[in-house]
């Protein structure tokens, strides 16, 4: 660098060190496929030895790639999503991509703003949730991005690739467990009905009742928002009834704190007075006394799979028009569930 006495390492230096042409060195740096394996090894060794740093702006102009991937999550403050993001990032790191993380706060206007920003930035791909699976304006914004998208836990037919969680089966197991203990008034608080997680959880809730031959009380299904504050309001309202629920299921990964706050506000004991089940494991669920029974899934594998699906699309590999991968759930039984009180 001028004025420091230190000369910048150029691609010509890399080519000379590796004993190849500048064109070959350039193809290796830009990850072209038409390079002999031994030359690729030699160029990478030269890059490591010389400490060569590619000019990403110049690369972007040459090959149309910024080597950046976007990710939009609903709420960046939810701790369990960190495992998802970290796993995806490790895959992108190995592939030479930078991950740009943002939070849409489950707001349409914010989501549209982020989609516009990522489009202008010309990222190479995007992993995202969406506030609504049916909103026409959001659908149009996604369709005109110009780069591949993987939807995380959102299911839109004939659209982007989807990585989904089997909430229906997890909820079926949870409700069946409570029914087997003798519960008949099971409150489910979950999110917006325009999203896959809420739809599939309600489906599982109904399936469990149907299998047990027990009618569903529609007044015990509360769908509105995945926020903890909403879970608190809905749960507290139902627990204040004379014929209150004997069990409650937090149907969203960020809803358990709101449910437990409502239980405490009514001075109820878990599980003596009320049974509680959460969705998605967390420190709160593990460290609570008693520990909370949860419907659990592997966030890390979800993140890795989402990242690989994006890289497949970027590489233009022969893949189907739309891929839907459904990840299993399991019910982890802990101490927060027991038979209901006779007068509950």
C-alpha atoms as a PDB file:
ATOM      1  CA  UNK A   1       0.000   0.000   0.000  1.00  0.00           C
ATOM      2  CA  UNK A   2       1.311   3.414  -0.965  1.00  0.00           C
ATOM      3  CA  UNK A   3       2.942   5.303   1.871  1.00  0.00           C
ATOM      4  CA  UNK A   4       3.301   2.277   4.147  1.00  0.00           C
ATOM      5  CA  UNK A   5       6.059   0.382   2.390  1.00  0.00           C
ATOM      6  CA  UNK A   6       3.779  -2.687   2.156  1.00  0.00           C
ATOM      7  CA  UNK A   7       2.855  -3.897  -1.319  1.00  0.00           C
ATOM      8  CA  UNK A   8      -0.665  -5.241  -1.880  1.00  0.00           C
ATOM      9  CA  UNK A   9      -0.820  -8.850  -3.005  1.00  0.00           C
ATOM     10  CA  UNK A  10      -2.351  -9.123  -6.484  1.00  0.00           C
ATOM     11  CA  UNK A  11      -3.799 -11.978  -8.478  1.00  0.00           C
ATOM     12  CA  UNK A  12      -0.589 -11.969 -10.537  1.00  0.00           C
ATOM     13  CA  UNK A  13       1.392 -12.687  -7.361  1.00  0.00           C
ATOM     14  CA  UNK A  14      -0.933 -15.591  -6.595  1.00  0.00           C
ATOM     15  CA  UNK A  15      -0.590 -16.989 -10.123  1.00  0.00           C
ATOM     16  CA  UNK A  16       3.203 -16.691  -9.999  1.00  0.00           C
ATOM     17  CA  UNK A  17       3.395 -18.408  -6.602  1.00  0.00           C
ATOM     18  CA  UNK A  18       1.099 -21.232  -7.756  1.00  0.00           C
ATOM     19  CA  UNK A  19       2.865 -21.647 -11.105  1.00  0.00           C
ATOM     20  CA  UNK A  20      -0.324 -21.144 -13.132  1.00  0.00           C
ATOM     21  CA  UNK A  21      -1.696 -18.524 -15.489  1.00  0.00           C
ATOM     22  CA  UNK A  22      -3.528 -15.456 -14.246  1.00  0.00           C
ATOM     23  CA  UNK A  23      -6.667 -16.813 -15.928  1.00  0.00           C
ATOM     24  CA  UNK A  24      -6.449 -20.069 -13.985  1.00  0.00           C
ATOM     25  CA  UNK A  25      -5.922 -18.210 -10.715  1.00  0.00           C
ATOM     26  CA  UNK A  26      -8.916 -16.014 -11.513  1.00  0.00           C
ATOM     27  CA  UNK A  27     -11.136 -19.017 -12.197  1.00  0.00           C
ATOM     28  CA  UNK A  28     -10.186 -20.584  -8.867  1.00  0.00           C
ATOM     29  CA  UNK A  29     -10.854 -17.345  -6.983  1.00  0.00           C
ATOM     30  CA  UNK A  30     -14.243 -17.019  -8.672  1.00  0.00           C
ATOM     31  CA  UNK A  31     -15.008 -20.704  -7.969  1.00  0.00           C
ATOM     32  CA  UNK A  32     -15.392 -21.690 -11.621  1.00  0.00           C
ATOM     33  CA  UNK A  33     -15.852 -25.402 -12.263  1.00  0.00           C
ATOM     34  CA  UNK A  34     -13.473 -25.732 -15.240  1.00  0.00           C
ATOM     35  CA  UNK A  35     -10.228 -25.939 -13.224  1.00  0.00           C
ATOM     36  CA  UNK A  36      -8.000 -28.971 -12.809  1.00  0.00           C
ATOM     37  CA  UNK A  37      -8.095 -30.203  -9.181  1.00  0.00           C
ATOM     38  CA  UNK A  38      -4.315 -29.961  -8.743  1.00  0.00           C
ATOM     39  CA  UNK A  39      -4.310 -26.356  -9.981  1.00  0.00           C
ATOM     40  CA  UNK A  40      -7.150 -25.503  -7.618  1.00  0.00           C
ATOM     41  CA  UNK A  41      -5.126 -26.873  -4.689  1.00  0.00           C
ATOM     42  CA  UNK A  42      -2.014 -24.940  -5.719  1.00  0.00           C
ATOM     43  CA  UNK A  43      -3.861 -21.643  -6.139  1.00  0.00           C
ATOM     44  CA  UNK A  44      -5.622 -21.984  -2.788  1.00  0.00           C
ATOM     45  CA  UNK A  45      -2.296 -22.772  -1.116  1.00  0.00           C
ATOM     46  CA  UNK A  46      -0.793 -19.650  -2.707  1.00  0.00           C
ATOM     47  CA  UNK A  47      -3.737 -17.532  -1.523  1.00  0.00           C
ATOM     48  CA  UNK A  48      -3.238 -18.818   2.010  1.00  0.00           C
ATOM     49  CA  UNK A  49       0.533 -18.293   1.936  1.00  0.00           C
ATOM     50  CA  UNK A  50       0.417 -14.764   0.505  1.00  0.00           C
ATOM     51  CA  UNK A  51      -2.657 -13.633   2.427  1.00  0.00           C
ATOM     52  CA  UNK A  52      -4.432 -12.614  -0.757  1.00  0.00           C
ATOM     53  CA  UNK A  53      -7.866 -10.992  -0.256  1.00  0.00           C
ATOM     54  CA  UNK A  54     -10.122 -10.930  -3.360  1.00  0.00           C
ATOM     55  CA  UNK A  55     -11.796  -7.694  -4.371  1.00  0.00           C
ATOM     56  CA  UNK A  56     -15.433  -8.616  -3.780  1.00  0.00           C
ATOM     57  CA  UNK A  57     -16.767  -5.563  -5.603  1.00  0.00           C
ATOM     58  CA  UNK A  58     -14.808  -6.462  -8.722  1.00  0.00           C
ATOM     59  CA  UNK A  59     -15.940 -10.082  -8.439  1.00  0.00           C
ATOM     60  CA  UNK A  60     -19.541  -8.985  -8.223  1.00  0.00           C
ATOM     61  CA  UNK A  61     -19.227  -6.946 -11.410  1.00  0.00           C
ATOM     62  CA  UNK A  62     -17.625  -9.870 -13.255  1.00  0.00           C
ATOM     63  CA  UNK A  63     -19.908 -12.715 -12.243  1.00  0.00           C
ATOM     64  CA  UNK A  64     -23.052 -11.015 -10.918  1.00  0.00           C
ATOM     65  CA  UNK A  65     -22.569 -12.441  -7.410  1.00  0.00           C
ATOM     66  CA  UNK A  66     -22.069 -10.523  -4.181  1.00  0.00           C
ATOM     67  CA  UNK A  67     -21.398 -13.736  -2.213  1.00  0.00           C
ATOM     68  CA  UNK A  68     -24.075 -12.622   0.258  1.00  0.00           C
ATOM     69  CA  UNK A  69     -27.124 -14.477   1.577  1.00  0.00           C
ATOM     70  CA  UNK A  70     -29.960 -12.772   3.425  1.00  0.00           C
ATOM     71  CA  UNK A  71     -32.003 -14.223   6.255  1.00  0.00           C
ATOM     72  CA  UNK A  72     -35.206 -12.684   7.633  1.00  0.00           C
ATOM     73  CA  UNK A  73     -36.525 -14.076  10.923  1.00  0.00           C
ATOM     74  CA  UNK A  74     -39.743 -13.101  12.669  1.00  0.00           C
ATOM     75  CA  UNK A  75     -38.157 -12.071  15.948  1.00  0.00           C
ATOM     76  CA  UNK A  76     -34.393 -11.933  16.380  1.00  0.00           C
ATOM     77  CA  UNK A  77     -34.731 -11.850  20.185  1.00  0.00           C
ATOM     78  CA  UNK A  78     -36.015 -15.456  20.398  1.00  0.00           C
ATOM     79  CA  UNK A  79     -32.979 -17.409  21.672  1.00  0.00           C
ATOM     80  CA  UNK A  80     -33.774 -20.762  20.018  1.00  0.00           C
ATOM     81  CA  UNK A  81     -33.567 -19.160  16.570  1.00  0.00           C
ATOM     82  CA  UNK A  82     -29.860 -18.576  17.213  1.00  0.00           C
ATOM     83  CA  UNK A  83     -29.220 -22.294  16.673  1.00  0.00           C
ATOM     84  CA  UNK A  84     -30.971 -22.114  13.294  1.00  0.00           C
ATOM     85  CA  UNK A  85     -28.980 -19.053  12.175  1.00  0.00           C
ATOM     86  CA  UNK A  86     -25.654 -20.377  13.472  1.00  0.00           C
ATOM     87  CA  UNK A  87     -26.046 -23.697  11.639  1.00  0.00           C
ATOM     88  CA  UNK A  88     -26.959 -21.936   8.379  1.00  0.00           C
ATOM     89  CA  UNK A  89     -24.025 -19.574   8.786  1.00  0.00           C
ATOM     90  CA  UNK A  90     -21.548 -22.442   9.152  1.00  0.00           C
ATOM     91  CA  UNK A  91     -22.675 -23.856   5.779  1.00  0.00           C
ATOM     92  CA  UNK A  92     -22.413 -20.454   4.102  1.00  0.00           C
ATOM     93  CA  UNK A  93     -19.000 -19.802   5.664  1.00  0.00           C
ATOM     94  CA  UNK A  94     -17.651 -22.979   4.105  1.00  0.00           C
ATOM     95  CA  UNK A  95     -19.087 -21.972   0.732  1.00  0.00           C
ATOM     96  CA  UNK A  96     -17.590 -18.469   0.924  1.00  0.00           C
ATOM     97  CA  UNK A  97     -20.797 -16.510   1.528  1.00  0.00           C
ATOM     98  CA  UNK A  98     -21.552 -13.769   4.053  1.00  0.00           C
ATOM     99  CA  UNK A  99     -24.850 -14.001   5.950  1.00  0.00           C
ATOM    100  CA  UNK A 100     -26.943 -10.837   6.434  1.00  0.00           C
ATOM    101  CA  UNK A 101     -29.432 -11.233   9.307  1.00  0.00           C
ATOM    102  CA  UNK A 102     -32.515  -9.076   9.893  1.00  0.00           C
ATOM    103  CA  UNK A 103     -35.806  -9.210  11.780  1.00  0.00           C
ATOM    104  CA  UNK A 104     -39.197  -8.403  10.233  1.00  0.00           C
ATOM    105  CA  UNK A 105     -40.985  -8.187  13.612  1.00  0.00           C
ATOM    106  CA  UNK A 106     -43.917 -10.010  11.941  1.00  0.00           C
ATOM    107  CA  UNK A 107     -44.940  -6.701  10.333  1.00  0.00           C
ATOM    108  CA  UNK A 108     -45.906  -6.494   6.658  1.00  0.00           C
ATOM    109  CA  UNK A 109     -44.421  -3.019   6.124  1.00  0.00           C
ATOM    110  CA  UNK A 110     -41.123  -4.027   7.700  1.00  0.00           C
ATOM    111  CA  UNK A 111     -40.982  -7.216   5.621  1.00  0.00           C
ATOM    112  CA  UNK A 112     -41.613  -5.278   2.392  1.00  0.00           C
ATOM    113  CA  UNK A 113     -38.881  -2.812   3.325  1.00  0.00           C
ATOM    114  CA  UNK A 114     -36.359  -5.604   3.940  1.00  0.00           C
ATOM    115  CA  UNK A 115     -37.239  -7.400   0.700  1.00  0.00           C
ATOM    116  CA  UNK A 116     -36.732  -4.167  -1.234  1.00  0.00           C
ATOM    117  CA  UNK A 117     -33.399  -3.549   0.488  1.00  0.00           C
ATOM    118  CA  UNK A 118     -32.101  -7.053  -0.236  1.00  0.00           C
ATOM    119  CA  UNK A 119     -33.220  -6.781  -3.855  1.00  0.00           C
ATOM    120  CA  UNK A 120     -31.307  -3.514  -4.296  1.00  0.00           C
ATOM    121  CA  UNK A 121     -28.285  -5.063  -2.622  1.00  0.00           C
ATOM    122  CA  UNK A 122     -28.460  -7.962  -5.098  1.00  0.00           C
ATOM    123  CA  UNK A 123     -27.891 -10.732  -2.581  1.00  0.00           C
ATOM    124  CA  UNK A 124     -27.513 -14.236  -4.006  1.00  0.00           C
ATOM    125  CA  UNK A 125     -30.338 -15.867  -2.026  1.00  0.00           C
ATOM    126  CA  UNK A 126     -32.689 -15.498   0.924  1.00  0.00           C
ATOM    127  CA  UNK A 127     -34.019 -17.637   3.787  1.00  0.00           C
ATOM    128  CA  UNK A 128     -37.107 -16.112   5.351  1.00  0.00           C
ATOM    129  CA  UNK A 129     -40.349 -16.382   7.225  1.00  0.00           C
ATOM    130  CA  UNK A 130     -43.286 -14.203   6.197  1.00  0.00           C
ATOM    131  CA  UNK A 131     -45.998 -12.410   8.138  1.00  0.00           C
ATOM    132  CA  UNK A 132     -48.653 -13.794   5.793  1.00  0.00           C
ATOM    133  CA  UNK A 133     -48.857 -16.668   3.329  1.00  0.00           C
ATOM    134  CA  UNK A 134     -51.843 -15.143   1.512  1.00  0.00           C
ATOM    135  CA  UNK A 135     -51.054 -11.428   1.252  1.00  0.00           C
ATOM    136  CA  UNK A 136     -50.847 -10.478  -2.442  1.00  0.00           C
ATOM    137  CA  UNK A 137     -48.387  -7.596  -1.956  1.00  0.00           C
ATOM    138  CA  UNK A 138     -45.926  -9.764  -0.036  1.00  0.00           C
ATOM    139  CA  UNK A 139     -46.270 -12.543  -2.627  1.00  0.00           C
ATOM    140  CA  UNK A 140     -45.536 -10.102  -5.454  1.00  0.00           C
ATOM    141  CA  UNK A 141     -42.470  -8.736  -3.650  1.00  0.00           C
ATOM    142  CA  UNK A 142     -41.054 -12.246  -3.216  1.00  0.00           C
ATOM    143  CA  UNK A 143     -41.742 -13.204  -6.828  1.00  0.00           C
ATOM    144  CA  UNK A 144     -39.833 -10.201  -8.169  1.00  0.00           C
ATOM    145  CA  UNK A 145     -36.697 -10.555  -6.049  1.00  0.00           C
ATOM    146  CA  UNK A 146     -34.651 -12.121  -8.843  1.00  0.00           C
ATOM    147  CA  UNK A 147     -32.837 -14.606  -6.583  1.00  0.00           C
ATOM    148  CA  UNK A 148     -33.784 -17.937  -4.940  1.00  0.00           C
ATOM    149  CA  UNK A 149     -35.794 -18.018  -1.717  1.00  0.00           C
ATOM    150  CA  UNK A 150     -36.269 -20.719   0.914  1.00  0.00           C
ATOM    151  CA  UNK A 151     -39.279 -20.252   3.182  1.00  0.00           C
ATOM    152  CA  UNK A 152     -38.650 -21.281   6.786  1.00  0.00           C
ATOM    153  CA  UNK A 153     -41.749 -22.828   8.407  1.00  0.00           C
ATOM    154  CA  UNK A 154     -44.052 -21.227   5.873  1.00  0.00           C
ATOM    155  CA  UNK A 155     -45.907 -23.292   3.242  1.00  0.00           C
ATOM    156  CA  UNK A 156     -46.999 -21.635  -0.007  1.00  0.00           C
ATOM    157  CA  UNK A 157     -48.025 -23.918  -2.868  1.00  0.00           C
ATOM    158  CA  UNK A 158     -46.061 -23.638  -6.129  1.00  0.00           C
ATOM    159  CA  UNK A 159     -43.839 -20.906  -4.721  1.00  0.00           C
ATOM    160  CA  UNK A 160     -40.404 -21.074  -3.116  1.00  0.00           C
ATOM    161  CA  UNK A 161     -38.732 -24.083  -1.528  1.00  0.00           C
ATOM    162  CA  UNK A 162     -40.070 -24.747   1.986  1.00  0.00           C
ATOM    163  CA  UNK A 163     -38.421 -26.139   5.121  1.00  0.00           C
ATOM    164  CA  UNK A 164     -41.249 -27.069   7.479  1.00  0.00           C
ATOM    165  CA  UNK A 165     -41.728 -28.416  11.000  1.00  0.00           C
ATOM    166  CA  UNK A 166     -44.341 -31.136  11.580  1.00  0.00           C
ATOM    167  CA  UNK A 167     -46.319 -29.109  14.101  1.00  0.00           C
ATOM    168  CA  UNK A 168     -49.480 -31.136  13.465  1.00  0.00           C
ATOM    169  CA  UNK A 169     -47.911 -34.373  14.664  1.00  0.00           C
ATOM    170  CA  UNK A 170     -46.214 -32.706  17.629  1.00  0.00           C
ATOM    171  CA  UNK A 171     -49.478 -31.088  18.691  1.00  0.00           C
ATOM    172  CA  UNK A 172     -51.381 -34.357  18.215  1.00  0.00           C
ATOM    173  CA  UNK A 173     -48.950 -36.087  20.584  1.00  0.00           C
ATOM    174  CA  UNK A 174     -49.174 -33.275  23.150  1.00  0.00           C
ATOM    175  CA  UNK A 175     -52.966 -33.151  23.220  1.00  0.00           C
ATOM    176  CA  UNK A 176     -53.218 -36.965  23.267  1.00  0.00           C
ATOM    177  CA  UNK A 177     -50.907 -36.990  26.297  1.00  0.00           C
ATOM    178  CA  UNK A 178     -53.107 -34.486  28.139  1.00  0.00           C
ATOM    179  CA  UNK A 179     -56.299 -36.327  27.189  1.00  0.00           C
ATOM    180  CA  UNK A 180     -54.814 -39.579  28.514  1.00  0.00           C
ATOM    181  CA  UNK A 181     -54.229 -37.854  31.864  1.00  0.00           C
ATOM    182  CA  UNK A 182     -57.926 -36.947  32.016  1.00  0.00           C
ATOM    183  CA  UNK A 183     -57.883 -33.353  30.747  1.00  0.00           C
ATOM    184  CA  UNK A 184     -60.940 -32.281  28.772  1.00  0.00           C
ATOM    185  CA  UNK A 185     -60.537 -28.505  28.753  1.00  0.00           C
ATOM    186  CA  UNK A 186     -57.209 -27.888  26.985  1.00  0.00           C
ATOM    187  CA  UNK A 187     -56.484 -24.303  25.976  1.00  0.00           C
ATOM    188  CA  UNK A 188     -54.389 -23.781  22.820  1.00  0.00           C
ATOM    189  CA  UNK A 189     -52.963 -20.292  22.269  1.00  0.00           C
ATOM    190  CA  UNK A 190     -51.196 -19.899  18.945  1.00  0.00           C
ATOM    191  CA  UNK A 191     -50.430 -17.410  16.186  1.00  0.00           C
ATOM    192  CA  UNK A 192     -51.965 -15.934  13.066  1.00  0.00           C
ATOM    193  CA  UNK A 193     -54.179 -18.298  11.069  1.00  0.00           C
ATOM    194  CA  UNK A 194     -52.551 -16.982   7.870  1.00  0.00           C
ATOM    195  CA  UNK A 195     -49.373 -18.897   8.750  1.00  0.00           C
ATOM    196  CA  UNK A 196     -48.497 -22.576   8.449  1.00  0.00           C
ATOM    197  CA  UNK A 197     -47.453 -23.154  12.108  1.00  0.00           C
ATOM    198  CA  UNK A 198     -50.812 -22.005  13.501  1.00  0.00           C
ATOM    199  CA  UNK A 199     -52.789 -23.922  10.876  1.00  0.00           C
ATOM    200  CA  UNK A 200     -50.907 -27.172  11.422  1.00  0.00           C
ATOM    201  CA  UNK A 201     -51.010 -26.936  15.230  1.00  0.00           C
ATOM    202  CA  UNK A 202     -54.774 -26.500  15.187  1.00  0.00           C
ATOM    203  CA  UNK A 203     -54.999 -29.447  12.809  1.00  0.00           C
ATOM    204  CA  UNK A 204     -53.063 -31.619  15.266  1.00  0.00           C
ATOM    205  CA  UNK A 205     -55.237 -30.396  18.155  1.00  0.00           C
ATOM    206  CA  UNK A 206     -58.369 -31.489  16.298  1.00  0.00           C
ATOM    207  CA  UNK A 207     -56.867 -34.826  15.234  1.00  0.00           C
ATOM    208  CA  UNK A 208     -56.086 -35.783  18.835  1.00  0.00           C
ATOM    209  CA  UNK A 209     -59.629 -35.030  19.984  1.00  0.00           C
ATOM    210  CA  UNK A 210     -61.120 -36.897  17.053  1.00  0.00           C
ATOM    211  CA  UNK A 211     -58.944 -39.965  17.691  1.00  0.00           C
ATOM    212  CA  UNK A 212     -60.075 -39.977  21.351  1.00  0.00           C
ATOM    213  CA  UNK A 213     -63.729 -39.492  20.436  1.00  0.00           C
ATOM    214  CA  UNK A 214     -63.895 -36.225  22.374  1.00  0.00           C
ATOM    215  CA  UNK A 215     -65.626 -33.157  20.870  1.00  0.00           C
ATOM    216  CA  UNK A 216     -63.534 -30.019  20.319  1.00  0.00           C
ATOM    217  CA  UNK A 217     -64.605 -26.932  22.270  1.00  0.00           C
ATOM    218  CA  UNK A 218     -63.881 -24.129  19.759  1.00  0.00           C
ATOM    219  CA  UNK A 219     -63.769 -21.587  22.584  1.00  0.00           C
ATOM    220  CA  UNK A 220     -60.508 -23.220  23.736  1.00  0.00           C
ATOM    221  CA  UNK A 221     -58.657 -22.459  20.465  1.00  0.00           C
ATOM    222  CA  UNK A 222     -57.200 -18.945  20.502  1.00  0.00           C
ATOM    223  CA  UNK A 223     -55.302 -17.925  17.341  1.00  0.00           C
ATOM    224  CA  UNK A 224     -54.023 -14.387  16.929  1.00  0.00           C
ATOM    225  CA  UNK A 225     -50.369 -13.592  17.515  1.00  0.00           C
ATOM    226  CA  UNK A 226     -47.164 -15.482  18.320  1.00  0.00           C
ATOM    227  CA  UNK A 227     -46.056 -12.744  20.729  1.00  0.00           C
ATOM    228  CA  UNK A 228     -45.570 -13.563  24.418  1.00  0.00           C
ATOM    229  CA  UNK A 229     -47.735 -10.568  25.317  1.00  0.00           C
ATOM    230  CA  UNK A 230     -50.635 -12.030  23.327  1.00  0.00           C
ATOM    231  CA  UNK A 231     -50.154 -15.409  25.016  1.00  0.00           C
ATOM    232  CA  UNK A 232     -50.347 -13.692  28.394  1.00  0.00           C
ATOM    233  CA  UNK A 233     -53.586 -11.840  27.608  1.00  0.00           C
ATOM    234  CA  UNK A 234     -55.338 -14.859  26.086  1.00  0.00           C
ATOM    235  CA  UNK A 235     -54.242 -17.251  28.834  1.00  0.00           C
ATOM    236  CA  UNK A 236     -54.960 -14.857  31.696  1.00  0.00           C
ATOM    237  CA  UNK A 237     -58.457 -14.209  30.330  1.00  0.00           C
ATOM    238  CA  UNK A 238     -59.285 -17.919  30.121  1.00  0.00           C
ATOM    239  CA  UNK A 239     -57.800 -18.715  33.543  1.00  0.00           C
ATOM    240  CA  UNK A 240     -60.082 -16.087  35.050  1.00  0.00           C
ATOM    241  CA  UNK A 241     -63.192 -18.017  34.010  1.00  0.00           C
ATOM    242  CA  UNK A 242     -65.206 -20.060  36.490  1.00  0.00           C
ATOM    243  CA  UNK A 243     -64.894 -23.113  34.254  1.00  0.00           C
ATOM    244  CA  UNK A 244     -61.232 -22.498  33.495  1.00  0.00           C
ATOM    245  CA  UNK A 245     -59.023 -24.781  31.362  1.00  0.00           C
ATOM    246  CA  UNK A 246     -57.163 -27.527  33.226  1.00  0.00           C
ATOM    247  CA  UNK A 247     -54.250 -27.414  30.773  1.00  0.00           C
ATOM    248  CA  UNK A 248     -52.718 -24.887  28.374  1.00  0.00           C
ATOM    249  CA  UNK A 249     -50.440 -25.330  25.372  1.00  0.00           C
ATOM    250  CA  UNK A 250     -48.220 -22.459  24.235  1.00  0.00           C
ATOM    251  CA  UNK A 251     -48.502 -22.874  20.453  1.00  0.00           C
ATOM    252  CA  UNK A 252     -45.452 -20.838  19.442  1.00  0.00           C
ATOM    253  CA  UNK A 253     -41.758 -20.769  20.302  1.00  0.00           C
ATOM    254  CA  UNK A 254     -41.937 -17.357  21.984  1.00  0.00           C
ATOM    255  CA  UNK A 255     -45.250 -17.811  23.782  1.00  0.00           C
ATOM    256  CA  UNK A 256     -44.272 -19.882  26.837  1.00  0.00           C
ATOM    257  CA  UNK A 257     -43.131 -16.869  28.933  1.00  0.00           C
ATOM    258  CA  UNK A 258     -46.532 -15.223  28.439  1.00  0.00           C
ATOM    259  CA  UNK A 259     -48.386 -18.389  29.423  1.00  0.00           C
ATOM    260  CA  UNK A 260     -46.296 -18.886  32.556  1.00  0.00           C
ATOM    261  CA  UNK A 261     -46.698 -15.230  33.523  1.00  0.00           C
ATOM    262  CA  UNK A 262     -50.491 -15.645  33.295  1.00  0.00           C
ATOM    263  CA  UNK A 263     -50.369 -18.814  35.398  1.00  0.00           C
ATOM    264  CA  UNK A 264     -48.385 -16.975  38.059  1.00  0.00           C
ATOM    265  CA  UNK A 265     -50.740 -13.977  37.921  1.00  0.00           C
ATOM    266  CA  UNK A 266     -53.585 -16.310  38.919  1.00  0.00           C
ATOM    267  CA  UNK A 267     -51.460 -17.926  41.661  1.00  0.00           C
ATOM    268  CA  UNK A 268     -51.835 -21.363  40.090  1.00  0.00           C
ATOM    269  CA  UNK A 269     -49.390 -24.186  40.663  1.00  0.00           C
ATOM    270  CA  UNK A 270     -47.859 -26.275  37.866  1.00  0.00           C
ATOM    271  CA  UNK A 271     -48.880 -29.100  37.527  1.00  0.00           C
ATOM    272  CA  UNK A 272     -51.134 -29.363  40.597  1.00  0.00           C
ATOM    273  CA  UNK A 273     -53.602 -26.683  39.449  1.00  0.00           C
ATOM    274  CA  UNK A 274     -52.843 -26.547  35.744  1.00  0.00           C
ATOM    275  CA  UNK A 275     -50.727 -28.491  33.262  1.00  0.00           C
ATOM    276  CA  UNK A 276     -48.530 -26.621  30.764  1.00  0.00           C
ATOM    277  CA  UNK A 277     -46.868 -27.650  27.475  1.00  0.00           C
ATOM    278  CA  UNK A 278     -44.564 -25.454  25.386  1.00  0.00           C
ATOM    279  CA  UNK A 279     -43.480 -25.490  21.733  1.00  0.00           C
ATOM    280  CA  UNK A 280     -39.766 -25.479  20.979  1.00  0.00           C
ATOM    281  CA  UNK A 281     -37.288 -26.230  23.734  1.00  0.00           C
ATOM    282  CA  UNK A 282     -35.665 -23.356  25.623  1.00  0.00           C
ATOM    283  CA  UNK A 283     -33.696 -22.487  28.747  1.00  0.00           C
ATOM    284  CA  UNK A 284     -36.944 -21.359  30.358  1.00  0.00           C
ATOM    285  CA  UNK A 285     -38.570 -24.744  29.745  1.00  0.00           C
ATOM    286  CA  UNK A 286     -35.569 -26.654  31.107  1.00  0.00           C
ATOM    287  CA  UNK A 287     -34.849 -24.449  34.125  1.00  0.00           C
ATOM    288  CA  UNK A 288     -38.436 -23.857  35.273  1.00  0.00           C
ATOM    289  CA  UNK A 289     -39.563 -25.689  38.394  1.00  0.00           C
ATOM    290  CA  UNK A 290     -40.955 -28.085  37.456  1.00  0.00           C
ATOM    291  CA  UNK A 291     -39.374 -28.328  34.008  1.00  0.00           C
ATOM    292  CA  UNK A 292     -41.874 -27.807  31.191  1.00  0.00           C
ATOM    293  CA  UNK A 293     -43.011 -30.550  28.818  1.00  0.00           C
ATOM    294  CA  UNK A 294     -42.321 -29.370  25.251  1.00  0.00           C
ATOM    295  CA  UNK A 295     -42.794 -30.255  21.601  1.00  0.00           C
ATOM    296  CA  UNK A 296     -39.223 -30.255  20.322  1.00  0.00           C
ATOM    297  CA  UNK A 297     -37.409 -30.235  16.960  1.00  0.00           C
ATOM    298  CA  UNK A 298     -33.849 -29.807  15.671  1.00  0.00           C
ATOM    299  CA  UNK A 299     -33.244 -26.152  14.796  1.00  0.00           C
ATOM    300  CA  UNK A 300     -29.639 -26.762  13.768  1.00  0.00           C
ATOM    301  CA  UNK A 301     -30.561 -29.308  11.122  1.00  0.00           C
ATOM    302  CA  UNK A 302     -33.273 -26.959   9.862  1.00  0.00           C
ATOM    303  CA  UNK A 303     -30.646 -24.245   9.424  1.00  0.00           C
ATOM    304  CA  UNK A 304     -28.172 -26.494   7.627  1.00  0.00           C
ATOM    305  CA  UNK A 305     -30.840 -27.849   5.296  1.00  0.00           C
ATOM    306  CA  UNK A 306     -32.142 -24.372   4.433  1.00  0.00           C
ATOM    307  CA  UNK A 307     -28.620 -23.213   3.606  1.00  0.00           C
ATOM    308  CA  UNK A 308     -27.911 -26.211   1.367  1.00  0.00           C
ATOM    309  CA  UNK A 309     -31.183 -25.703  -0.503  1.00  0.00           C
ATOM    310  CA  UNK A 310     -30.251 -22.091  -1.277  1.00  0.00           C
ATOM    311  CA  UNK A 311     -26.790 -23.109  -2.470  1.00  0.00           C
ATOM    312  CA  UNK A 312     -28.366 -25.734  -4.745  1.00  0.00           C
ATOM    313  CA  UNK A 313     -30.479 -23.050  -6.376  1.00  0.00           C
ATOM    314  CA  UNK A 314     -27.550 -20.649  -6.743  1.00  0.00           C
ATOM    315  CA  UNK A 315     -25.508 -23.364  -8.433  1.00  0.00           C
ATOM    316  CA  UNK A 316     -28.414 -23.962 -10.873  1.00  0.00           C
ATOM    317  CA  UNK A 317     -28.425 -27.644 -10.133  1.00  0.00           C
ATOM    318  CA  UNK A 318     -31.226 -29.795 -11.537  1.00  0.00           C
ATOM    319  CA  UNK A 319     -33.764 -29.614  -8.718  1.00  0.00           C
ATOM    320  CA  UNK A 320     -37.585 -29.795  -8.778  1.00  0.00           C
ATOM    321  CA  UNK A 321     -39.673 -26.664  -9.234  1.00  0.00           C
ATOM    322  CA  UNK A 322     -40.527 -26.649  -5.530  1.00  0.00           C
ATOM    323  CA  UNK A 323     -39.133 -28.725  -2.694  1.00  0.00           C
ATOM    324  CA  UNK A 324     -40.937 -29.249   0.620  1.00  0.00           C
ATOM    325  CA  UNK A 325     -38.980 -30.850   3.463  1.00  0.00           C
ATOM    326  CA  UNK A 326     -40.918 -31.744   6.621  1.00  0.00           C
ATOM    327  CA  UNK A 327     -38.886 -32.139   9.811  1.00  0.00           C
ATOM    328  CA  UNK A 328     -40.163 -34.388  12.624  1.00  0.00           C
ATOM    329  CA  UNK A 329     -41.108 -33.275  16.121  1.00  0.00           C
ATOM    330  CA  UNK A 330     -41.081 -35.140  19.413  1.00  0.00           C
ATOM    331  CA  UNK A 331     -42.882 -34.688  22.709  1.00  0.00           C
ATOM    332  CA  UNK A 332     -40.419 -34.379  25.594  1.00  0.00           C
ATOM    333  CA  UNK A 333     -42.340 -35.203  28.770  1.00  0.00           C
ATOM    334  CA  UNK A 334     -41.192 -33.438  31.937  1.00  0.00           C
ATOM    335  CA  UNK A 335     -42.857 -32.489  35.204  1.00  0.00           C
ATOM    336  CA  UNK A 336     -45.377 -29.857  34.088  1.00  0.00           C
ATOM    337  CA  UNK A 337     -48.271 -32.206  33.325  1.00  0.00           C
ATOM    338  CA  UNK A 338     -50.463 -34.182  35.722  1.00  0.00           C
ATOM    339  CA  UNK A 339     -54.057 -35.359  36.061  1.00  0.00           C
ATOM    340  CA  UNK A 340     -56.485 -32.436  36.497  1.00  0.00           C
ATOM    341  CA  UNK A 341     -58.050 -31.548  39.809  1.00  0.00           C
ATOM    342  CA  UNK A 342     -61.566 -32.904  40.242  1.00  0.00           C
ATOM    343  CA  UNK A 343     -63.078 -29.413  40.352  1.00  0.00           C
ATOM    344  CA  UNK A 344     -61.042 -27.952  37.457  1.00  0.00           C
END
